[in-house]
Structures are given as C-alpha cells and as structure tokens.
Amino acid sequence: MVSRHVLHELVDSLPETEIATAERLLMMISKEPIGPEFADSIRRGLAQAEAGETVVCRDYAEMVEKLLD
C-alpha cells in the first residue's frame, strides 16, 4: 500500500521539468474519482517509468489513448 510519505518522496524525486505535469495530474485526480481503468493505466505508467520507458504525447487526449491501450 502506498502511503502519503511514499508519495511525498516520489514528488521530491521528480526532475524540475516534470513538476508542472505532476501538479496537473494530481489536481485532476483530486477533483475526479478515479475509475478502475484509469487506476490501472496509472499503475502501468508508473511501472513503465520505473523500467526507464517513456511515452511521448502531444496532448492530454493522446496521453489517455496511449495509457488506456
């Protein structure tokens, strides 16, 4: 189970160039309930990031499409 402490550590470890993206994502999920599909896509994205994989997206719609594939 992820704790607030772990989340704080993750945020603290982000490169400066990713802070704005993380803020937008956290703002979005704090306002809307996360359904199972979206939660699974977040888990896949975290696993990809931990494995050193990256996905380049031009906009939010493309990001959602790639993550939900």
PDB file of N, CA and C in Angstrom:
ATOM      1  N   MET A   1       0.854  -1.187   0.000  1.00  0.00           N
ATOM      2  CA  MET A   1       0.000   0.000   0.000  1.00  0.00           C
ATOM      3  C   MET A   1       0.894   1.243   0.000  1.00  0.00           C
ATOM      4  N   VAL A   2       0.575   2.182  -0.862  1.00  0.00           N
ATOM      5  CA  VAL A   2       1.329   3.420  -0.940  1.00  0.00           C
ATOM      6  C   VAL A   2       0.836   4.375   0.141  1.00  0.00           C
ATOM      7  N   SER A   3       1.766   5.013   0.804  1.00  0.00           N
ATOM      8  CA  SER A   3       1.410   5.962   1.851  1.00  0.00           C
ATOM      9  C   SER A   3       1.687   7.386   1.380  1.00  0.00           C
ATOM     10  N   ARG A   4       1.197   8.338   2.123  1.00  0.00           N
ATOM     11  CA  ARG A   4       1.480   9.739   1.803  1.00  0.00           C
ATOM     12  C   ARG A   4       2.985  10.002   1.814  1.00  0.00           C
ATOM     13  N   HIS A   5       3.681   9.330   2.726  1.00  0.00           N
ATOM     14  CA  HIS A   5       5.130   9.501   2.819  1.00  0.00           C
ATOM     15  C   HIS A   5       5.805   9.082   1.502  1.00  0.00           C
ATOM     16  N   VAL A   6       5.384   7.941   0.954  1.00  0.00           N
ATOM     17  CA  VAL A   6       5.950   7.461  -0.316  1.00  0.00           C
ATOM     18  C   VAL A   6       5.630   8.442  -1.438  1.00  0.00           C
ATOM     19  N   LEU A   7       4.411   8.947  -1.451  1.00  0.00           N
ATOM     20  CA  LEU A   7       4.037   9.922  -2.483  1.00  0.00           C
ATOM     21  C   LEU A   7       4.885  11.193  -2.371  1.00  0.00           C
ATOM     22  N   HIS A   8       5.113  11.647  -1.162  1.00  0.00           N
ATOM     23  CA  HIS A   8       5.964  12.826  -0.965  1.00  0.00           C
ATOM     24  C   HIS A   8       7.374  12.555  -1.494  1.00  0.00           C
ATOM     25  N   GLU A   9       7.895  11.363  -1.220  1.00  0.00           N
ATOM     26  CA  GLU A   9       9.231  11.016  -1.716  1.00  0.00           C
ATOM     27  C   GLU A   9       9.272  10.985  -3.235  1.00  0.00           C
ATOM     28  N   LEU A  10       8.215  10.455  -3.847  1.00  0.00           N
ATOM     29  CA  LEU A  10       8.148  10.429  -5.307  1.00  0.00           C
ATOM     30  C   LEU A  10       8.139  11.845  -5.885  1.00  0.00           C
ATOM     31  N   VAL A  11       7.332  12.705  -5.306  1.00  0.00           N
ATOM     32  CA  VAL A  11       7.282  14.093  -5.777  1.00  0.00           C
ATOM     33  C   VAL A  11       8.638  14.762  -5.589  1.00  0.00           C
ATOM     34  N   ASP A  12       9.258  14.541  -4.456  1.00  0.00           N
ATOM     35  CA  ASP A  12      10.570  15.142  -4.196  1.00  0.00           C
ATOM     36  C   ASP A  12      11.635  14.641  -5.162  1.00  0.00           C
ATOM     37  N   SER A  13      11.461  13.440  -5.707  1.00  0.00           N
ATOM     38  CA  SER A  13      12.468  12.885  -6.611  1.00  0.00           C
ATOM     39  C   SER A  13      12.262  13.289  -8.067  1.00  0.00           C
ATOM     40  N   LEU A  14      11.145  13.960  -8.365  1.00  0.00           N
ATOM     41  CA  LEU A  14      10.877  14.359  -9.749  1.00  0.00           C
ATOM     42  C   LEU A  14      11.879  15.406 -10.232  1.00  0.00           C
ATOM     43  N   PRO A  15      12.279  15.308 -11.497  1.00  0.00           N
ATOM     44  CA  PRO A  15      13.095  16.381 -12.063  1.00  0.00           C
ATOM     45  C   PRO A  15      12.253  17.657 -12.175  1.00  0.00           C
ATOM     46  N   GLU A  16      12.889  18.794 -12.084  1.00  0.00           N
ATOM     47  CA  GLU A  16      12.167  20.077 -12.151  1.00  0.00           C
ATOM     48  C   GLU A  16      11.284  20.174 -13.393  1.00  0.00           C
ATOM     49  N   THR A  17      11.722  19.580 -14.489  1.00  0.00           N
ATOM     50  CA  THR A  17      10.967  19.665 -15.741  1.00  0.00           C
ATOM     51  C   THR A  17       9.641  18.922 -15.687  1.00  0.00           C
ATOM     52  N   GLU A  18       9.445  18.051 -14.696  1.00  0.00           N
ATOM     53  CA  GLU A  18       8.215  17.264 -14.584  1.00  0.00           C
ATOM     54  C   GLU A  18       7.267  17.753 -13.497  1.00  0.00           C
ATOM     55  N   ILE A  19       7.672  18.768 -12.755  1.00  0.00           N
ATOM     56  CA  ILE A  19       6.847  19.264 -11.642  1.00  0.00           C
ATOM     57  C   ILE A  19       5.482  19.753 -12.121  1.00  0.00           C
ATOM     58  N   ALA A  20       5.451  20.535 -13.191  1.00  0.00           N
ATOM     59  CA  ALA A  20       4.180  21.080 -13.680  1.00  0.00           C
ATOM     60  C   ALA A  20       3.242  19.958 -14.131  1.00  0.00           C
ATOM     61  N   THR A  21       3.782  18.949 -14.794  1.00  0.00           N
ATOM     62  CA  THR A  21       2.967  17.817 -15.240  1.00  0.00           C
ATOM     63  C   THR A  21       2.404  17.068 -14.047  1.00  0.00           C
ATOM     64  N   ALA A  22       3.233  16.817 -13.053  1.00  0.00           N
ATOM     65  CA  ALA A  22       2.771  16.120 -11.851  1.00  0.00           C
ATOM     66  C   ALA A  22       1.692  16.930 -11.140  1.00  0.00           C
ATOM     67  N   GLU A  23       1.873  18.236 -11.091  1.00  0.00           N
ATOM     68  CA  GLU A  23       0.866  19.082 -10.445  1.00  0.00           C
ATOM     69  C   GLU A  23      -0.469  18.977 -11.171  1.00  0.00           C
ATOM     70  N   ARG A  24      -0.444  19.034 -12.506  1.00  0.00           N
ATOM     71  CA  ARG A  24      -1.689  18.934 -13.276  1.00  0.00           C
ATOM     72  C   ARG A  24      -2.367  17.584 -13.032  1.00  0.00           C
ATOM     73  N   LEU A  25      -1.578  16.507 -13.028  1.00  0.00           N
ATOM     74  CA  LEU A  25      -2.146  15.183 -12.800  1.00  0.00           C
ATOM     75  C   LEU A  25      -2.761  15.087 -11.411  1.00  0.00           C
ATOM     76  N   LEU A  26      -2.048  15.553 -10.402  1.00  0.00           N
ATOM     77  CA  LEU A  26      -2.573  15.492  -9.039  1.00  0.00           C
ATOM     78  C   LEU A  26      -3.818  16.363  -8.874  1.00  0.00           C
ATOM     79  N   MET A  27      -3.829  17.520  -9.514  1.00  0.00           N
ATOM     80  CA  MET A  27      -5.017  18.382  -9.449  1.00  0.00           C
ATOM     81  C   MET A  27      -6.211  17.682 -10.095  1.00  0.00           C
ATOM     82  N   MET A  28      -5.965  17.020 -11.223  1.00  0.00           N
ATOM     83  CA  MET A  28      -7.041  16.346 -11.940  1.00  0.00           C
ATOM     84  C   MET A  28      -7.609  15.206 -11.096  1.00  0.00           C
ATOM     85  N   ILE A  29      -6.739  14.368 -10.530  1.00  0.00           N
ATOM     86  CA  ILE A  29      -7.256  13.214  -9.785  1.00  0.00           C
ATOM     87  C   ILE A  29      -7.825  13.604  -8.437  1.00  0.00           C
ATOM     88  N   SER A  30      -7.462  14.794  -7.934  1.00  0.00           N
ATOM     89  CA  SER A  30      -8.042  15.213  -6.662  1.00  0.00           C
ATOM     90  C   SER A  30      -9.465  15.736  -6.843  1.00  0.00           C
ATOM     91  N   LYS A  31      -9.840  16.059  -8.084  1.00  0.00           N
ATOM     92  CA  LYS A  31     -11.170  16.607  -8.349  1.00  0.00           C
ATOM     93  C   LYS A  31     -12.140  15.563  -8.875  1.00  0.00           C
ATOM     94  N   GLU A  32     -11.628  14.491  -9.460  1.00  0.00           N
ATOM     95  CA  GLU A  32     -12.493  13.486 -10.068  1.00  0.00           C
ATOM     96  C   GLU A  32     -12.202  12.126  -9.454  1.00  0.00           C
ATOM     97  N   PRO A  33     -13.239  11.326  -9.252  1.00  0.00           N
ATOM     98  CA  PRO A  33     -12.978   9.969  -8.781  1.00  0.00           C
ATOM     99  C   PRO A  33     -12.224   9.189  -9.865  1.00  0.00           C
ATOM    100  N   ILE A  34     -11.337   8.307  -9.442  1.00  0.00           N
ATOM    101  CA  ILE A  34     -10.566   7.506 -10.387  1.00  0.00           C
ATOM    102  C   ILE A  34     -11.248   6.166 -10.554  1.00  0.00           C
ATOM    103  N   GLY A  35     -11.619   5.881 -11.787  1.00  0.00           N
ATOM    104  CA  GLY A  35     -12.221   4.585 -12.074  1.00  0.00           C
ATOM    105  C   GLY A  35     -11.156   3.511 -12.205  1.00  0.00           C
ATOM    106  N   PRO A  36     -11.573   2.255 -12.257  1.00  0.00           N
ATOM    107  CA  PRO A  36     -10.615   1.150 -12.314  1.00  0.00           C
ATOM    108  C   PRO A  36      -9.715   1.189 -13.548  1.00  0.00           C
ATOM    109  N   GLU A  37     -10.269   1.562 -14.710  1.00  0.00           N
ATOM    110  CA  GLU A  37      -9.439   1.623 -15.928  1.00  0.00           C
ATOM    111  C   GLU A  37      -8.345   2.669 -15.787  1.00  0.00           C
ATOM    112  N   PHE A  38      -8.709   3.841 -15.279  1.00  0.00           N
ATOM    113  CA  PHE A  38      -7.725   4.915 -15.137  1.00  0.00           C
ATOM    114  C   PHE A  38      -6.682   4.547 -14.081  1.00  0.00           C
ATOM    115  N   ALA A  39      -7.124   3.930 -12.998  1.00  0.00           N
ATOM    116  CA  ALA A  39      -6.186   3.500 -11.956  1.00  0.00           C
ATOM    117  C   ALA A  39      -5.202   2.484 -12.517  1.00  0.00           C
ATOM    118  N   ASP A  40      -5.696   1.546 -13.336  1.00  0.00           N
ATOM    119  CA  ASP A  40      -4.807   0.566 -13.959  1.00  0.00           C
ATOM    120  C   ASP A  40      -3.814   1.246 -14.892  1.00  0.00           C
ATOM    121  N   SER A  41      -4.266   2.252 -15.633  1.00  0.00           N
ATOM    122  CA  SER A  41      -3.353   2.940 -16.545  1.00  0.00           C
ATOM    123  C   SER A  41      -2.278   3.694 -15.771  1.00  0.00           C
ATOM    124  N   ILE A  42      -2.631   4.247 -14.625  1.00  0.00           N
ATOM    125  CA  ILE A  42      -1.643   4.934 -13.792  1.00  0.00           C
ATOM    126  C   ILE A  42      -0.607   3.922 -13.295  1.00  0.00           C
ATOM    127  N   ARG A  43      -1.074   2.763 -12.869  1.00  0.00           N
ATOM    128  CA  ARG A  43      -0.137   1.723 -12.406  1.00  0.00           C
ATOM    129  C   ARG A  43       0.803   1.291 -13.528  1.00  0.00           C
ATOM    130  N   ARG A  44       0.252   1.111 -14.748  1.00  0.00           N
ATOM    131  CA  ARG A  44       1.099   0.743 -15.890  1.00  0.00           C
ATOM    132  C   ARG A  44       2.116   1.835 -16.183  1.00  0.00           C
ATOM    133  N   GLY A  45       1.682   3.079 -16.111  1.00  0.00           N
ATOM    134  CA  GLY A  45       2.589   4.196 -16.358  1.00  0.00           C
ATOM    135  C   GLY A  45       3.713   4.261 -15.335  1.00  0.00           C
ATOM    136  N   LEU A  46       3.374   4.040 -14.082  1.00  0.00           N
ATOM    137  CA  LEU A  46       4.407   4.030 -13.039  1.00  0.00           C
ATOM    138  C   LEU A  46       5.397   2.895 -13.259  1.00  0.00           C
ATOM    139  N   ALA A  47       4.892   1.729 -13.641  1.00  0.00           N
ATOM    140  CA  ALA A  47       5.777   0.583 -13.902  1.00  0.00           C
ATOM    141  C   ALA A  47       6.692   0.884 -15.086  1.00  0.00           C
ATOM    142  N   GLN A  48       6.143   1.519 -16.126  1.00  0.00           N
ATOM    143  CA  GLN A  48       6.959   1.878 -17.281  1.00  0.00           C
ATOM    144  C   GLN A  48       8.028   2.891 -16.891  1.00  0.00           C
ATOM    145  N   ALA A  49       7.659   3.862 -16.089  1.00  0.00           N
ATOM    146  CA  ALA A  49       8.627   4.876 -15.655  1.00  0.00           C
ATOM    147  C   ALA A  49       9.733   4.240 -14.826  1.00  0.00           C
ATOM    148  N   GLU A  50       9.356   3.327 -13.933  1.00  0.00           N
ATOM    149  CA  GLU A  50      10.356   2.641 -13.115  1.00  0.00           C
ATOM    150  C   GLU A  50      11.278   1.785 -13.976  1.00  0.00           C
ATOM    151  N   ALA A  51      10.782   1.277 -15.104  1.00  0.00           N
ATOM    152  CA  ALA A  51      11.581   0.454 -16.014  1.00  0.00           C
ATOM    153  C   ALA A  51      12.396   1.319 -16.978  1.00  0.00           C
ATOM    154  N   GLY A  52      12.248   2.648 -16.869  1.00  0.00           N
ATOM    155  CA  GLY A  52      13.001   3.543 -17.738  1.00  0.00           C
ATOM    156  C   GLY A  52      12.364   3.786 -19.087  1.00  0.00           C
ATOM    157  N   GLU A  53      11.129   3.328 -19.260  1.00  0.00           N
ATOM    158  CA  GLU A  53      10.417   3.534 -20.521  1.00  0.00           C
ATOM    159  C   GLU A  53       9.714   4.889 -20.492  1.00  0.00           C
ATOM    160  N   THR A  54       9.634   5.530 -21.628  1.00  0.00           N
ATOM    161  CA  THR A  54       8.912   6.797 -21.703  1.00  0.00           C
ATOM    162  C   THR A  54       7.915   6.752 -22.852  1.00  0.00           C
ATOM    163  N   VAL A  55       6.873   7.542 -22.737  1.00  0.00           N
ATOM    164  CA  VAL A  55       5.871   7.685 -23.781  1.00  0.00           C
ATOM    165  C   VAL A  55       5.730   9.175 -24.057  1.00  0.00           C
ATOM    166  N   VAL A  56       5.906   9.563 -25.300  1.00  0.00           N
ATOM    167  CA  VAL A  56       5.798  10.968 -25.673  1.00  0.00           C
ATOM    168  C   VAL A  56       4.402  11.213 -26.235  1.00  0.00           C
ATOM    169  N   CYS A  57       3.714  12.217 -25.681  1.00  0.00           N
ATOM    170  CA  CYS A  57       2.363  12.557 -26.118  1.00  0.00           C
ATOM    171  C   CYS A  57       2.303  14.042 -26.439  1.00  0.00           C
ATOM    172  N   ARG A  58       1.537  14.380 -27.462  1.00  0.00           N
ATOM    173  CA  ARG A  58       1.396  15.785 -27.847  1.00  0.00           C
ATOM    174  C   ARG A  58       0.382  16.518 -26.988  1.00  0.00           C
ATOM    175  N   ASP A  59      -0.611  15.792 -26.473  1.00  0.00           N
ATOM    176  CA  ASP A  59      -1.652  16.432 -25.677  1.00  0.00           C
ATOM    177  C   ASP A  59      -2.320  15.413 -24.765  1.00  0.00           C
ATOM    178  N   TYR A  60      -3.241  15.876 -23.962  1.00  0.00           N
ATOM    179  CA  TYR A  60      -3.910  15.033 -22.975  1.00  0.00           C
ATOM    180  C   TYR A  60      -4.664  13.886 -23.642  1.00  0.00           C
ATOM    181  N   ALA A  61      -5.373  14.175 -24.735  1.00  0.00           N
ATOM    182  CA  ALA A  61      -6.161  13.138 -25.404  1.00  0.00           C
ATOM    183  C   ALA A  61      -5.259  12.009 -25.903  1.00  0.00           C
ATOM    184  N   GLU A  62      -4.117  12.359 -26.464  1.00  0.00           N
ATOM    185  CA  GLU A  62      -3.188  11.338 -26.936  1.00  0.00           C
ATOM    186  C   GLU A  62      -2.622  10.536 -25.757  1.00  0.00           C
ATOM    187  N   MET A  63      -2.363  11.205 -24.645  1.00  0.00           N
ATOM    188  CA  MET A  63      -1.857  10.530 -23.456  1.00  0.00           C
ATOM    189  C   MET A  63      -2.873   9.499 -22.965  1.00  0.00           C
ATOM    190  N   VAL A  64      -4.131   9.902 -22.884  1.00  0.00           N
ATOM    191  CA  VAL A  64      -5.177   8.990 -22.411  1.00  0.00           C
ATOM    192  C   VAL A  64      -5.286   7.800 -23.357  1.00  0.00           C
ATOM    193  N   GLU A  65      -5.262   8.069 -24.652  1.00  0.00           N
ATOM    194  CA  GLU A  65      -5.358   6.993 -25.644  1.00  0.00           C
ATOM    195  C   GLU A  65      -4.212   5.990 -25.476  1.00  0.00           C
ATOM    196  N   LYS A  66      -2.988   6.485 -25.327  1.00  0.00           N
ATOM    197  CA  LYS A  66      -1.838   5.593 -25.183  1.00  0.00           C
ATOM    198  C   LYS A  66      -1.879   4.842 -23.851  1.00  0.00           C
ATOM    199  N   LEU A  67      -2.295   5.498 -22.798  1.00  0.00           N
ATOM    200  CA  LEU A  67      -2.325   4.840 -21.489  1.00  0.00           C
ATOM    201  C   LEU A  67      -3.415   3.805 -21.371  1.00  0.00           C
ATOM    202  N   LEU A  68      -4.533   4.012 -22.050  1.00  0.00           N
ATOM    203  CA  LEU A  68      -5.649   3.075 -21.940  1.00  0.00           C
ATOM    204  C   LEU A  68      -5.582   1.953 -22.963  1.00  0.00           C
ATOM    205  N   ASP A  69      -4.595   1.975 -23.841  1.00  0.00           N
ATOM    206  CA  ASP A  69      -4.423   0.885 -24.805  1.00  0.00           C
ATOM    207  C   ASP A  69      -4.116  -0.418 -24.129  1.00  0.00           C
TER     208      ASP A  69
END
